[in-house]
Amino acid sequence: MTTITVTLQDDDPEVLEQQVRLLRDEVRDLDADVDLAPGPPAPEDAKGDLRMSHTIVVTDMTSPVLAELGRVLAAFADRGGRKIVVRDGDRTMEIQGPLDDTARQAVESFFRKELE
């Protein structure tokens, strides 16, 4: 089973929360299981559960879906210059938009290697 974690990065926590939910919804359109990763524990003095994860976990993908995930992530990063970190076991890739042809090919290669 392939498990890919996708972490969004931004300095604004509200923007992050909105973007991670938007990305999760886009990835849900693929034939894969998509969930939010558990967030960090709330501080002891917190007056509520502030645990917001900025990571989604994508599992149970077929090879074509994995390739499509790469395209979805590249397109998502491209819009608005977003920054995404993708992890697959020991392999990590940072995708930051806007993407040029070289960056787009690197994303495709990262997800193609997963298929081999």
C-alpha atoms as a PDB file:
ATOM      1  CA  MET A   1       0.000   0.000   0.000  1.00  0.00           C
ATOM      2  CA  THR A   2       1.317   3.421  -0.964  1.00  0.00           C
ATOM      3  CA  THR A   3       1.044   6.210   1.589  1.00  0.00           C
ATOM      4  CA  ILE A   4       1.841   9.762   0.545  1.00  0.00           C
ATOM      5  CA  THR A   5       1.769  12.659   3.013  1.00  0.00           C
ATOM      6  CA  VAL A   6       1.235  16.147   1.667  1.00  0.00           C
ATOM      7  CA  THR A   7       2.017  19.126   3.907  1.00  0.00           C
ATOM      8  CA  LEU A   8       1.098  22.689   3.013  1.00  0.00           C
ATOM      9  CA  GLN A   9       3.252  25.546   4.226  1.00  0.00           C
ATOM     10  CA  ASP A  10       2.258  29.166   4.793  1.00  0.00           C
ATOM     11  CA  ASP A  11       2.950  31.796   7.445  1.00  0.00           C
ATOM     12  CA  ASP A  12      -0.751  32.502   8.018  1.00  0.00           C
ATOM     13  CA  PRO A  13      -2.542  29.760  10.049  1.00  0.00           C
ATOM     14  CA  GLU A  14      -5.961  30.770   8.709  1.00  0.00           C
ATOM     15  CA  VAL A  15      -4.747  30.550   5.125  1.00  0.00           C
ATOM     16  CA  LEU A  16      -3.226  27.143   5.877  1.00  0.00           C
ATOM     17  CA  GLU A  17      -6.465  25.814   7.309  1.00  0.00           C
ATOM     18  CA  GLN A  18      -8.427  26.969   4.280  1.00  0.00           C
ATOM     19  CA  GLN A  19      -5.860  25.621   1.805  1.00  0.00           C
ATOM     20  CA  VAL A  20      -5.484  22.202   3.416  1.00  0.00           C
ATOM     21  CA  ARG A  21      -9.238  21.675   3.317  1.00  0.00           C
ATOM     22  CA  LEU A  22      -9.376  22.839  -0.317  1.00  0.00           C
ATOM     23  CA  LEU A  23      -6.549  20.473  -1.292  1.00  0.00           C
ATOM     24  CA  ARG A  24      -8.147  17.600   0.595  1.00  0.00           C
ATOM     25  CA  ASP A  25     -11.373  18.171  -1.348  1.00  0.00           C
ATOM     26  CA  GLU A  26      -9.506  18.227  -4.672  1.00  0.00           C
ATOM     27  CA  VAL A  27      -7.635  15.007  -3.863  1.00  0.00           C
ATOM     28  CA  ARG A  28     -10.879  13.332  -2.740  1.00  0.00           C
ATOM     29  CA  ASP A  29     -12.002  13.507  -6.356  1.00  0.00           C
ATOM     30  CA  LEU A  30      -9.325  10.880  -7.073  1.00  0.00           C
ATOM     31  CA  ASP A  31      -9.909   7.196  -6.361  1.00  0.00           C
ATOM     32  CA  ALA A  32      -7.922   7.134  -3.097  1.00  0.00           C
ATOM     33  CA  ASP A  33      -8.440   7.388   0.647  1.00  0.00           C
ATOM     34  CA  VAL A  34      -7.733  10.916   1.899  1.00  0.00           C
ATOM     35  CA  ASP A  35      -7.658  12.047   5.515  1.00  0.00           C
ATOM     36  CA  LEU A  36      -6.238  14.888   7.551  1.00  0.00           C
ATOM     37  CA  ALA A  37      -3.222  13.810   9.562  1.00  0.00           C
ATOM     38  CA  PRO A  38      -3.586  14.329  13.299  1.00  0.00           C
ATOM     39  CA  GLY A  39      -2.446  17.778  14.363  1.00  0.00           C
ATOM     40  CA  PRO A  40      -0.005  18.453  17.169  1.00  0.00           C
ATOM     41  CA  PRO A  41      -1.355  18.255  20.706  1.00  0.00           C
ATOM     42  CA  ALA A  42      -2.898  21.456  22.031  1.00  0.00           C
ATOM     43  CA  PRO A  43      -0.918  23.314  24.709  1.00  0.00           C
ATOM     44  CA  GLU A  44      -1.929  22.418  28.275  1.00  0.00           C
ATOM     45  CA  ASP A  45      -3.351  25.905  28.894  1.00  0.00           C
ATOM     46  CA  ALA A  46      -5.459  25.936  25.700  1.00  0.00           C
ATOM     47  CA  LYS A  47      -9.176  26.595  26.129  1.00  0.00           C
ATOM     48  CA  GLY A  48     -10.171  24.330  23.294  1.00  0.00           C
ATOM     49  CA  ASP A  49      -8.838  21.857  20.809  1.00  0.00           C
ATOM     50  CA  LEU A  50      -6.612  23.931  18.538  1.00  0.00           C
ATOM     51  CA  ARG A  51      -5.080  20.939  16.771  1.00  0.00           C
ATOM     52  CA  MET A  52      -5.184  21.716  13.084  1.00  0.00           C
ATOM     53  CA  SER A  53      -3.155  19.577  10.789  1.00  0.00           C
ATOM     54  CA  HIS A  54      -1.631  21.037   7.680  1.00  0.00           C
ATOM     55  CA  THR A  55      -0.997  17.568   6.314  1.00  0.00           C
ATOM     56  CA  ILE A  56      -3.202  15.206   4.380  1.00  0.00           C
ATOM     57  CA  VAL A  57      -2.516  11.495   4.075  1.00  0.00           C
ATOM     58  CA  VAL A  58      -3.358   9.778   0.789  1.00  0.00           C
ATOM     59  CA  THR A  59      -3.513   5.966   0.687  1.00  0.00           C
ATOM     60  CA  ASP A  60      -4.905   3.050  -1.315  1.00  0.00           C
ATOM     61  CA  MET A  61      -4.035   4.379  -4.770  1.00  0.00           C
ATOM     62  CA  THR A  62      -3.658   2.537  -8.032  1.00  0.00           C
ATOM     63  CA  SER A  63      -0.784   3.497 -10.321  1.00  0.00           C
ATOM     64  CA  PRO A  64      -2.891   5.780 -12.556  1.00  0.00           C
ATOM     65  CA  VAL A  65      -4.298   7.552  -9.478  1.00  0.00           C
ATOM     66  CA  LEU A  66      -0.795   8.103  -8.123  1.00  0.00           C
ATOM     67  CA  ALA A  67       0.248   9.756 -11.383  1.00  0.00           C
ATOM     68  CA  GLU A  68      -2.890  11.903 -11.291  1.00  0.00           C
ATOM     69  CA  LEU A  69      -2.113  12.894  -7.686  1.00  0.00           C
ATOM     70  CA  GLY A  70       1.178  14.349  -8.914  1.00  0.00           C
ATOM     71  CA  ARG A  71      -0.660  16.406 -11.517  1.00  0.00           C
ATOM     72  CA  VAL A  72      -3.240  17.615  -8.963  1.00  0.00           C
ATOM     73  CA  LEU A  73      -0.511  18.678  -6.528  1.00  0.00           C
ATOM     74  CA  ALA A  74       1.457  20.485  -9.251  1.00  0.00           C
ATOM     75  CA  ALA A  75      -1.668  22.358 -10.370  1.00  0.00           C
ATOM     76  CA  PHE A  76      -2.574  23.223  -6.762  1.00  0.00           C
ATOM     77  CA  ALA A  77       0.930  24.601  -6.076  1.00  0.00           C
ATOM     78  CA  ASP A  78       0.852  26.510  -9.345  1.00  0.00           C
ATOM     79  CA  ARG A  79      -2.261  28.422  -8.339  1.00  0.00           C
ATOM     80  CA  GLY A  80      -1.244  31.244  -6.043  1.00  0.00           C
ATOM     81  CA  GLY A  81       2.387  30.170  -5.642  1.00  0.00           C
ATOM     82  CA  ARG A  82       1.623  27.636  -2.917  1.00  0.00           C
ATOM     83  CA  LYS A  83       4.312  25.569  -1.217  1.00  0.00           C
ATOM     84  CA  ILE A  84       3.777  21.833  -0.650  1.00  0.00           C
ATOM     85  CA  VAL A  85       6.052  19.167   0.814  1.00  0.00           C
ATOM     86  CA  VAL A  86       5.364  15.603  -0.351  1.00  0.00           C
ATOM     87  CA  ARG A  87       6.714  12.595   1.559  1.00  0.00           C
ATOM     88  CA  ASP A  88       6.795   9.004   0.494  1.00  0.00           C
ATOM     89  CA  GLY A  89       8.757   7.007   3.053  1.00  0.00           C
ATOM     90  CA  ASP A  90      12.309   8.351   2.907  1.00  0.00           C
ATOM     91  CA  ARG A  91      11.708  10.367  -0.251  1.00  0.00           C
ATOM     92  CA  THR A  92      10.718  14.022   0.014  1.00  0.00           C
ATOM     93  CA  MET A  93       9.892  16.598  -2.618  1.00  0.00           C
ATOM     94  CA  GLU A  94       9.083  20.282  -2.265  1.00  0.00           C
ATOM     95  CA  ILE A  95       6.705  21.712  -4.838  1.00  0.00           C
ATOM     96  CA  GLN A  96       6.465  25.481  -4.985  1.00  0.00           C
ATOM     97  CA  GLY A  97       4.490  27.382  -7.566  1.00  0.00           C
ATOM     98  CA  PRO A  98       4.538  28.805 -10.014  1.00  0.00           C
ATOM     99  CA  LEU A  99       6.150  25.791 -11.652  1.00  0.00           C
ATOM    100  CA  ASP A 100       8.306  25.970 -14.738  1.00  0.00           C
ATOM    101  CA  ASP A 101       8.756  23.037 -17.137  1.00  0.00           C
ATOM    102  CA  THR A 102      11.730  21.660 -15.173  1.00  0.00           C
ATOM    103  CA  ALA A 103       9.801  21.669 -11.893  1.00  0.00           C
ATOM    104  CA  ARG A 104       6.780  20.059 -13.539  1.00  0.00           C
ATOM    105  CA  GLN A 105       8.996  17.291 -14.955  1.00  0.00           C
ATOM    106  CA  ALA A 106      10.553  16.757 -11.504  1.00  0.00           C
ATOM    107  CA  VAL A 107       7.082  16.256  -9.997  1.00  0.00           C
ATOM    108  CA  GLU A 108       6.173  13.771 -12.723  1.00  0.00           C
ATOM    109  CA  SER A 109       9.461  11.932 -12.167  1.00  0.00           C
ATOM    110  CA  PHE A 110       8.891  11.746  -8.396  1.00  0.00           C
ATOM    111  CA  PHE A 111       5.509  10.104  -8.869  1.00  0.00           C
ATOM    112  CA  ARG A 112       6.718   7.928 -11.744  1.00  0.00           C
ATOM    113  CA  LYS A 113       9.501   6.506  -9.562  1.00  0.00           C
ATOM    114  CA  GLU A 114       6.828   5.475  -7.107  1.00  0.00           C
ATOM    115  CA  LEU A 115       5.250   3.407  -9.859  1.00  0.00           C
ATOM    116  CA  GLU A 116       8.434   1.492 -10.731  1.00  0.00           C
END
